[in-house]
Protein backbone atom coordinates (compact mmCIF):
# COMPACT_ATOMS: atom_id res chain seq x y z
CA MET A 1 -65.82 412.28 165.84
CA ALA A 2 -63.06 409.68 166.11
CA ARG A 3 -61.17 411.40 163.30
CA LEU A 4 -61.48 414.79 164.98
CA SER A 5 -60.15 413.43 168.27
CA LYS A 6 -57.21 411.56 166.69
CA PRO A 7 -54.64 414.40 167.06
CA PHE A 8 -55.29 414.54 170.80
CA GLN A 9 -54.36 410.88 171.27
CA ASN A 10 -50.65 411.50 170.66
CA TRP A 11 -48.45 413.10 173.33
CA ASP A 12 -46.29 414.95 170.83
CA ASN A 13 -49.40 416.46 169.26
CA LEU A 14 -50.73 417.58 172.63
CA PHE A 15 -47.45 419.28 173.42
CA VAL A 16 -47.25 421.03 170.04
CA PHE A 17 -50.80 422.32 170.46
CA CYS A 18 -49.99 423.68 173.92
CA VAL A 19 -46.74 425.33 172.81
CA PHE A 20 -48.19 427.12 169.81
CA GLY A 21 -51.46 427.78 171.61
CA TYR A 22 -49.68 429.67 174.37
CA PHE A 23 -47.48 431.44 171.84
CA TRP A 24 -50.52 432.44 169.79
CA VAL A 25 -52.47 433.72 172.79
CA SER A 26 -49.65 435.68 174.43
CA ASN A 27 -47.91 437.04 171.32
CA ILE A 28 -50.35 437.20 168.41
CA GLY A 29 -53.20 438.16 170.74
CA PRO A 30 -51.85 441.67 171.50
CA LEU A 31 -51.80 442.42 167.76
CA PHE A 32 -55.59 441.96 167.74
CA ALA A 33 -56.20 443.86 170.99
CA GLY A 34 -58.90 446.47 170.55
CA ASN A 35 -60.57 444.53 167.73
CA PRO A 36 -63.27 442.31 169.30
CA SER A 37 -64.14 440.59 166.02
CA LEU A 38 -60.56 439.42 165.36
CA MET A 39 -60.14 438.37 169.01
CA ARG A 40 -63.28 436.22 168.83
CA LEU A 41 -62.21 434.72 165.52
CA PHE A 42 -58.50 434.07 166.09
CA ILE A 43 -57.75 434.14 169.83
CA TYR A 44 -60.76 433.00 171.84
CA PRO A 45 -60.96 429.55 170.16
CA ILE A 46 -57.40 428.82 171.33
CA TYR A 47 -58.38 429.59 174.92
CA LEU A 48 -61.13 426.97 174.57
CA LEU A 49 -58.92 424.44 172.77
CA ILE A 50 -56.12 424.33 175.37
CA PRO A 51 -58.42 423.10 178.20
CA ALA A 52 -59.52 420.34 175.80
CA VAL A 53 -55.86 419.41 175.38
CA TYR A 54 -55.48 419.16 179.16
CA PHE A 55 -58.60 416.99 179.31
CA TRP A 56 -57.01 414.49 176.91
CA LEU A 57 -53.74 414.79 178.78
CA ILE A 58 -55.42 413.70 182.01
CA LEU A 59 -57.10 410.75 180.26
CA SER A 60 -53.76 409.60 178.81
CA ARG A 61 -51.64 410.33 181.87
CA PRO A 62 -48.55 408.11 182.26
CA LYS A 63 -48.95 404.89 184.21
CA GLY A 64 -46.56 403.38 186.75
CA VAL A 65 -44.47 404.89 189.55
CA ILE A 66 -43.32 408.27 188.27
CA LEU A 67 -43.74 410.37 191.43
CA SER A 68 -42.72 409.86 195.04
CA LYS A 69 -45.43 409.93 197.69
CA ILE A 70 -44.42 413.39 198.91
CA SER A 71 -44.35 414.75 195.34
CA SER A 72 -47.80 413.31 194.64
CA ILE A 73 -49.27 414.94 197.75
CA LEU A 74 -47.76 418.34 196.94
CA VAL A 75 -48.89 418.23 193.31
CA MET A 76 -52.41 417.10 194.12
CA PHE A 77 -52.82 419.65 196.90
CA PHE A 78 -51.77 422.56 194.66
CA LEU A 79 -54.03 421.35 191.84
CA LEU A 80 -56.89 421.04 194.35
CA LEU A 81 -56.38 424.65 195.42
CA GLY A 82 -56.41 425.68 191.76
CA CYS A 83 -59.68 423.81 191.22
CA LEU A 84 -61.14 425.53 194.28
CA CYS A 85 -60.13 428.91 192.84
CA VAL A 86 -61.84 428.03 189.54
CA ALA A 87 -64.98 426.80 191.34
CA ARG A 88 -65.20 430.05 193.28
CA GLY A 89 -64.84 431.94 190.02
CA ILE A 90 -67.75 430.01 188.51
CA SER A 91 -69.94 430.78 191.51
CA ALA A 92 -69.06 434.50 191.24
CA LEU A 93 -70.07 434.87 187.58
CA SER A 94 -72.72 437.57 187.34
CA ASN A 95 -72.55 439.10 183.83
CA ILE A 96 -71.07 438.67 180.36
CA ASP A 97 -67.95 440.66 181.28
CA ASP A 98 -67.22 438.27 184.14
CA LEU A 99 -67.66 435.32 181.79
CA ARG A 100 -65.29 436.87 179.25
CA THR A 101 -62.69 437.42 181.97
CA PHE A 102 -63.17 433.89 183.30
CA LEU A 103 -62.62 432.32 179.88
CA PHE A 104 -60.24 434.64 178.04
CA SER A 105 -58.21 436.81 180.43
CA ARG A 106 -54.46 436.18 180.42
CA ALA A 107 -54.13 436.78 184.17
CA ASN A 108 -57.57 435.93 185.56
CA SER A 109 -58.97 433.14 183.41
CA ALA A 110 -59.58 429.59 184.64
CA LEU A 111 -56.81 428.51 182.24
CA VAL A 112 -54.19 430.09 184.55
CA TRP A 113 -54.97 427.42 187.14
CA LEU A 114 -54.97 424.61 184.55
CA VAL A 115 -51.42 425.36 183.37
CA PRO A 116 -49.87 423.35 186.28
CA LEU A 117 -51.36 420.22 184.64
CA SER A 118 -48.45 420.61 182.20
CA ILE A 119 -46.49 418.64 184.79
CA LEU A 120 -48.07 415.55 183.24
CA PHE A 121 -46.08 416.12 180.04
CA ALA A 122 -42.75 416.29 181.83
CA LEU A 123 -43.18 413.23 184.06
CA LYS A 124 -42.41 410.92 181.13
CA LYS A 125 -38.72 410.45 180.41
CA ASP A 126 -39.57 409.90 176.73
CA PHE A 127 -40.91 413.45 176.60
CA TRP A 128 -37.48 414.86 177.44
CA LEU A 129 -35.64 412.46 175.14
CA ALA A 130 -37.89 413.58 172.29
CA TRP A 131 -37.99 417.32 172.95
CA LEU A 132 -34.54 418.32 174.21
CA PRO A 133 -33.14 418.33 170.65
CA ARG A 134 -36.10 420.42 169.49
CA ILE A 135 -35.46 423.36 171.80
CA LYS A 136 -33.51 424.99 168.97
CA HIS A 137 -36.68 425.07 166.85
CA LEU A 138 -38.58 426.94 169.58
CA VAL A 139 -35.78 429.45 170.16
CA PHE A 140 -35.47 429.98 166.40
CA ILE A 141 -39.22 430.66 166.15
CA GLY A 142 -39.03 433.14 169.03
CA THR A 143 -35.97 434.89 167.57
CA SER A 144 -37.56 435.15 164.12
CA TYR A 145 -40.81 436.48 165.54
CA VAL A 146 -39.19 439.21 167.62
CA PHE A 147 -36.96 440.19 164.70
CA ILE A 148 -40.01 440.53 162.44
CA VAL A 149 -41.78 442.65 165.06
CA MET A 150 -38.71 444.91 165.23
CA VAL A 151 -38.59 445.23 161.44
CA LEU A 152 -42.28 446.14 161.33
CA GLY A 153 -41.58 448.82 163.92
CA VAL A 154 -38.67 450.22 161.92
CA GLY A 155 -40.89 450.30 158.84
CA THR A 156 -43.41 452.51 160.65
CA GLY A 157 -40.70 454.79 162.02
CA ASP A 158 -41.11 453.51 165.60
CA ILE A 159 -39.38 450.30 166.64
CA LEU A 160 -41.79 450.01 169.58
CA SER A 161 -45.00 450.50 167.59
CA HIS A 162 -45.70 446.76 167.91
CA LYS A 163 -44.66 446.60 171.56
CA MET A 164 -45.63 443.31 173.20
CA TYR A 165 -44.32 442.47 176.63
CA ASN A 166 -44.54 438.72 176.15
CA SER A 167 -43.06 438.49 172.66
CA CYS A 168 -39.89 436.96 174.08
CA ASP A 169 -41.58 433.95 175.70
CA PHE A 170 -39.74 431.43 173.55
CA LEU A 171 -36.43 433.22 174.04
CA PHE A 172 -36.40 432.34 177.73
CA LEU A 173 -35.33 428.93 176.45
CA ALA A 174 -32.14 430.39 174.93
CA PRO A 175 -30.06 429.84 178.12
CA LEU A 176 -31.28 426.23 178.28
CA LEU A 177 -30.33 425.75 174.63
CA PHE A 178 -26.86 427.12 175.40
CA ILE A 179 -26.37 424.55 178.15
CA TYR A 180 -27.76 421.78 175.95
CA SER A 181 -25.27 422.69 173.21
CA ARG A 182 -22.50 422.02 175.73
CA TYR A 183 -24.24 418.83 176.80
CA LYS A 184 -24.40 417.47 173.26
CA LYS A 185 -22.00 419.45 171.08
CA ASP A 186 -23.78 421.34 168.30
CA SER A 187 -22.47 424.58 166.79
CA LEU A 188 -25.89 425.42 165.34
CA ASN A 189 -27.40 425.26 168.81
CA LEU A 190 -24.70 427.63 170.05
CA ILE A 191 -25.34 430.15 167.29
CA ILE A 192 -29.12 430.07 167.75
CA SER A 193 -28.81 430.37 171.54
CA TYR A 194 -26.40 433.32 171.33
CA VAL A 195 -28.61 435.18 168.85
CA GLY A 196 -31.68 434.37 170.97
CA MET A 197 -30.04 435.76 174.11
CA ILE A 198 -28.95 438.95 172.34
CA ILE A 199 -32.45 439.53 170.95
CA LEU A 200 -33.97 438.74 174.36
CA VAL A 201 -31.90 441.33 176.20
CA ALA A 202 -32.20 443.94 173.43
CA TRP A 203 -35.97 443.62 173.13
CA MET A 204 -36.61 443.62 176.87
CA PHE A 205 -34.53 446.78 177.21
CA LEU A 206 -36.65 448.40 174.52
CA VAL A 207 -39.99 447.44 176.06
CA ASN A 208 -38.80 448.38 179.55
CA GLU A 209 -39.11 444.88 181.05
CA ARG A 210 -36.14 444.65 183.40
CA PHE A 211 -37.38 441.45 185.04
CA ALA A 212 -36.73 439.45 181.86
CA ILE A 213 -33.07 440.43 181.78
CA ALA A 214 -32.73 439.49 185.45
CA PHE A 215 -34.54 436.19 184.85
CA ALA A 216 -32.19 435.13 182.03
CA GLY A 217 -29.14 436.38 183.95
CA LEU A 218 -30.06 434.45 187.09
CA MET A 219 -30.47 431.24 185.11
CA TYR A 220 -26.92 431.64 183.79
CA PHE A 221 -25.41 432.61 187.11
CA PHE A 222 -26.89 429.75 189.13
CA TYR A 223 -26.12 427.08 186.57
CA LEU A 224 -22.50 428.16 186.16
CA THR A 225 -22.23 428.19 189.97
CA ILE A 226 -23.44 424.59 190.05
CA LEU A 227 -20.85 423.63 187.44
CA PHE A 228 -18.12 425.39 189.42
CA PHE A 229 -18.87 423.60 192.67
CA GLN A 230 -19.12 420.27 190.87
CA LYS A 231 -15.70 421.01 189.38
CA ARG A 232 -16.95 420.54 185.85
CA SER A 233 -15.78 422.73 182.98
CA LEU A 234 -17.72 423.88 179.94
CA ASN A 235 -14.98 422.42 177.74
CA LEU A 236 -15.44 425.08 175.06
CA LYS A 237 -13.94 424.33 171.67
CA ILE A 238 -12.27 426.84 169.35
CA ASN A 239 -15.37 427.15 167.15
CA SER A 240 -17.50 427.82 170.22
CA ILE A 241 -15.13 430.51 171.43
CA ALA A 242 -15.11 432.07 167.95
CA VAL A 243 -18.91 432.22 167.88
CA LEU A 244 -18.97 433.69 171.40
CA LEU A 245 -16.44 436.40 170.55
CA THR A 246 -18.20 437.26 167.28
CA THR A 247 -21.61 437.63 168.90
CA SER A 248 -20.10 439.62 171.77
CA ILE A 249 -18.48 442.06 169.33
CA ILE A 250 -21.74 442.40 167.36
CA THR A 251 -23.64 443.07 170.58
CA LEU A 252 -21.09 445.70 171.63
CA VAL A 253 -21.35 447.45 168.26
CA ILE A 254 -25.17 447.43 168.41
CA ILE A 255 -25.45 448.95 171.87
CA THR A 256 -22.75 451.57 171.28
CA GLN A 257 -23.59 452.68 167.75
CA ILE A 258 -27.37 452.53 167.39
CA PRO A 259 -28.91 455.63 169.03
CA ILE A 260 -32.02 453.96 170.48
CA PHE A 261 -29.89 451.41 172.35
CA THR A 262 -27.36 453.95 173.57
CA SER A 263 -30.17 456.07 174.99
CA TYR A 264 -31.56 453.10 176.90
CA ILE A 265 -28.12 452.11 178.19
CA ASN A 266 -27.63 455.69 179.40
CA ARG A 267 -31.02 455.68 181.15
CA TYR A 268 -30.79 452.25 182.77
CA ILE A 269 -27.09 451.94 183.61
CA PHE A 270 -25.62 455.42 183.99
CA GLN A 271 -28.71 457.19 185.32
CA GLY A 272 -29.65 454.24 187.51
CA GLU A 273 -33.20 453.79 186.22
CA ILE A 274 -32.75 450.00 186.21
CA MET A 275 -32.73 450.06 190.03
CA GLN A 276 -35.83 452.24 190.44
CA ASP A 277 -38.81 450.73 192.26
CA THR A 278 -41.96 450.91 190.11
CA ARG A 279 -44.09 448.93 192.57
CA GLY A 280 -44.59 451.71 195.10
CA GLY A 281 -42.32 450.17 197.74
CA ASP A 282 -44.24 448.04 200.23
CA SER A 283 -47.49 449.94 199.65
CA LEU A 284 -48.62 447.54 196.91
CA ARG A 285 -47.97 444.47 199.05
CA LYS A 286 -49.83 445.98 202.00
CA ALA A 287 -52.73 447.08 199.81
CA VAL A 288 -53.35 443.50 198.61
CA THR A 289 -53.97 442.12 202.11
CA GLN A 290 -55.53 445.23 203.64
CA GLY A 291 -59.08 444.56 204.72
CA MET A 292 -58.86 440.79 204.13
CA SER A 293 -60.81 438.60 206.52
CA MET A 294 -59.13 435.59 208.11
CA GLN A 295 -60.77 433.30 205.56
CA GLU A 296 -59.61 435.49 202.68
CA GLN A 297 -56.05 435.49 204.01
CA ILE A 298 -56.11 431.69 204.04
CA LEU A 299 -58.01 431.01 200.79
CA GLY A 300 -57.76 434.34 198.95
CA ARG A 301 -60.52 436.20 197.13
CA GLY A 302 -60.77 433.94 194.08
CA ILE A 303 -60.32 434.61 190.38
CA PHE A 304 -62.26 437.88 190.56
CA GLY A 305 -60.58 439.03 193.76
CA LYS A 306 -59.83 442.77 193.87
CA TYR A 307 -58.04 445.22 196.13
CA THR A 308 -57.75 449.00 196.52
CA TRP A 309 -54.39 450.72 196.03
CA GLY A 310 -54.57 454.42 196.81
CA SER A 311 -56.66 456.73 194.67
CA ARG A 312 -56.65 458.10 191.13
CA GLY A 313 -58.21 460.96 189.17
CA TRP A 314 -59.89 464.16 190.26
CA PRO A 315 -61.83 464.25 192.41
CA PRO A 316 -59.83 461.36 193.90
CA ALA A 317 -61.53 457.96 193.68
CA PRO A 318 -60.38 454.61 195.08
CA TYR A 319 -58.09 452.79 192.64
CA VAL A 320 -59.54 449.27 192.50
CA ARG A 321 -57.41 446.63 190.78
CA ILE A 322 -57.88 442.95 189.90
CA ASN A 323 -54.21 442.09 189.22
CA VAL A 324 -50.94 442.40 191.12
CA GLU A 325 -47.63 442.74 189.25
CA ILE A 326 -45.82 440.95 192.10
CA GLY A 327 -46.03 437.20 191.52
CA TYR A 328 -46.34 436.08 195.14
CA MET A 329 -48.96 438.69 195.99
CA GLN A 330 -51.04 437.64 192.98
CA LEU A 331 -51.11 434.12 194.47
CA VAL A 332 -52.15 435.54 197.84
CA LEU A 333 -54.90 437.68 196.28
CA LYS A 334 -56.41 434.80 194.30
CA GLY A 335 -55.69 431.77 196.50
CA GLY A 336 -54.53 433.10 199.84
CA TYR A 337 -51.45 432.28 201.86
CA LEU A 338 -52.37 428.60 201.65
CA MET A 339 -51.85 428.66 197.88
CA LEU A 340 -48.61 430.63 198.27
CA VAL A 341 -47.20 428.11 200.75
CA SER A 342 -48.33 425.21 198.57
CA PHE A 343 -46.69 426.79 195.51
CA LEU A 344 -43.41 427.36 197.35
CA LEU A 345 -43.31 423.88 198.89
CA LEU A 346 -43.92 422.20 195.53
CA SER A 347 -41.36 424.39 193.76
CA LEU A 348 -38.63 424.02 196.40
CA HIS A 349 -39.23 420.27 196.61
CA ALA A 350 -38.72 420.06 192.84
CA VAL A 351 -35.50 422.10 193.14
CA TYR A 352 -34.18 419.76 195.83
CA LEU A 353 -34.90 416.65 193.77
CA GLY A 354 -33.54 418.19 190.57
CA ILE A 355 -30.21 419.18 192.12
CA PHE A 356 -29.52 416.62 194.85
CA ARG A 357 -31.49 413.55 193.81
CA SER A 358 -30.73 413.34 190.10
CA ARG A 359 -28.08 411.53 188.04
CA ASN A 360 -28.06 414.00 185.14
CA LYS A 361 -27.30 417.67 184.46
CA VAL A 362 -30.56 418.45 182.67
CA THR A 363 -32.67 418.38 185.85
CA ARG A 364 -30.11 420.59 187.55
CA TYR A 365 -30.65 423.26 184.95
CA LEU A 366 -34.42 422.81 185.15
CA ALA A 367 -34.03 423.48 188.87
CA VAL A 368 -32.18 426.68 188.00
CA ILE A 369 -35.14 427.86 185.88
CA ILE A 370 -37.37 427.29 188.92
CA ILE A 371 -35.02 429.13 191.30
CA ALA A 372 -34.69 432.09 188.94
CA ARG A 373 -38.46 432.49 188.66
CA LEU A 374 -38.96 432.13 192.42
CA ILE A 375 -36.57 435.03 192.98
CA ILE A 376 -38.08 437.27 190.30
CA MET A 377 -41.61 436.58 191.60
CA SER A 378 -40.79 438.72 194.63
CA THR A 379 -41.06 441.77 192.34
CA ALA A 380 -42.67 440.59 189.06
CA MET A 381 -43.81 437.59 186.97
CA PRO A 382 -47.33 436.78 188.26
CA PRO A 383 -48.91 433.54 187.01
CA ARG A 384 -50.50 434.15 183.61
CA VAL A 385 -51.38 432.34 180.40
CA GLY A 386 -48.24 432.17 178.28
CA PHE A 387 -45.34 430.02 177.20
CA GLU A 388 -42.98 431.11 180.00
CA TYR A 389 -45.37 429.97 182.76
CA PHE A 390 -46.02 426.79 180.78
CA MET A 391 -42.25 426.21 180.68
CA TYR A 392 -42.06 426.68 184.46
CA TRP A 393 -44.38 423.73 185.08
CA LEU A 394 -42.50 421.59 182.57
CA ALA A 395 -39.37 422.29 184.61
CA ILE A 396 -41.22 421.31 187.81
CA GLY A 397 -42.38 418.05 186.23
CA GLY A 398 -38.91 417.19 184.95
CA CYS A 399 -37.42 417.60 188.42
CA LEU A 400 -40.20 415.54 190.04
CA SER A 401 -40.05 412.67 187.52
CA ILE A 402 -38.45 409.54 189.00
CA PRO A 403 -37.71 407.91 185.60
CA PHE A 404 -36.09 411.04 184.18
CA ARG A 405 -33.96 411.72 187.25
CA ALA A 406 -32.76 408.12 187.11
CA LEU A 407 -31.15 408.63 183.68
CA THR A 408 -27.44 409.37 183.50
CA ASP A 409 -25.97 411.94 181.13
CA GLU A 410 -24.60 409.13 178.98
CA GLN A 411 -28.01 407.45 178.74
CA ILE A 412 -29.68 410.71 177.74
CA VAL A 413 -27.14 411.43 174.99
CA THR A 414 -27.40 407.85 173.70
CA ASN A 415 -31.20 407.72 173.65
CA ILE A 416 -32.04 411.23 172.51
CA LYS A 417 -34.48 411.23 169.59
CA ASP A 418 -33.60 414.02 167.18
CA LYS A 419 -36.52 413.83 164.75
CA SER A 420 -38.61 416.40 162.93
CA ILE A 421 -41.81 417.72 164.46
CA ILE A 422 -44.81 416.11 162.80
CA ILE A 423 -48.47 416.45 163.72
CA LYS A 424 -50.12 413.08 163.12
CA TRP A 425 -53.69 413.71 162.09
């Protein structure tokens, strides 16, 4: 037993398990969709393993003063609301389908409310010193994976035959890698980040996920705005400019010469489809809260909470749904306005600390990731099991961490640990 538990006693191991666990569930999982045997064999065990990782994470949580009193209260209150949501889900279990949803659903499982425990990783300054140089590995994995999926699609005559909406999870780190390459000069980081961003935008166009393009774009815009007001330049070198120009030209050639991309550009940009509302205006938001009691408005309807949005079929029947595509309304449905307010207070508090109470640029960019998601959640990006949501809580933890915010840029560059990733078993 001691030998089996050994990998969980190392923080790097715990993080690696979480990263690849979320990647496996959100990206490999869709390949097995529709095949219960393969799901039970290859996907369900990961859903059960990740909570075990969080259990060990709690037992080995960092000691000492790493959070302010206000931060501690906000974190604990949000986690308490998540635990309440899980407890209500347990009490509502009535059949095997409910149990399967509770354990293995990407949007409605108990694991969704455990993901915020990822904050515990990011509170340690050593975590950031060890993992900032390794971002390039994650972006490279994401780029390679999406490229392989595209090739498989081309081989079957349909580039979208392996369509997976979350296959770009790792590529959301590409903008962060770009900034890090300016922070500690590395041409390889630049190349990987550029390629990752191109693949991200191209793939999200193809799978009709406009929110992802907006998410990456907002991260860039806000961070460059911060740099502008701080009167700091990117200090690009000739080789950096050359790489930028080369990738820009390649991108331009791809979108103007390959028919499938030109058709999407015509639809989204020239025909205005990118601005179309696919959420039914305010009707979806109103449908979520319609008929809620006062208690449900405060505490939500729990993991299995449902709502009715119009009707479908013939003869018309009420269209009952368990998920909301709008991030904030998903929080209201499951945990009520109390959870929504708690989520916003914790997130905005982290943004404030990351931008105005930090001595380094890394937390400022982490704050940008938070801001970008908060904006997109008004129309998309509900909480769900996956690497992107995992990354969000890492960003929260980095901004809240007193030891990490105390480091200067010079101290980070001096103490960064650029080592290979090794699982110690």
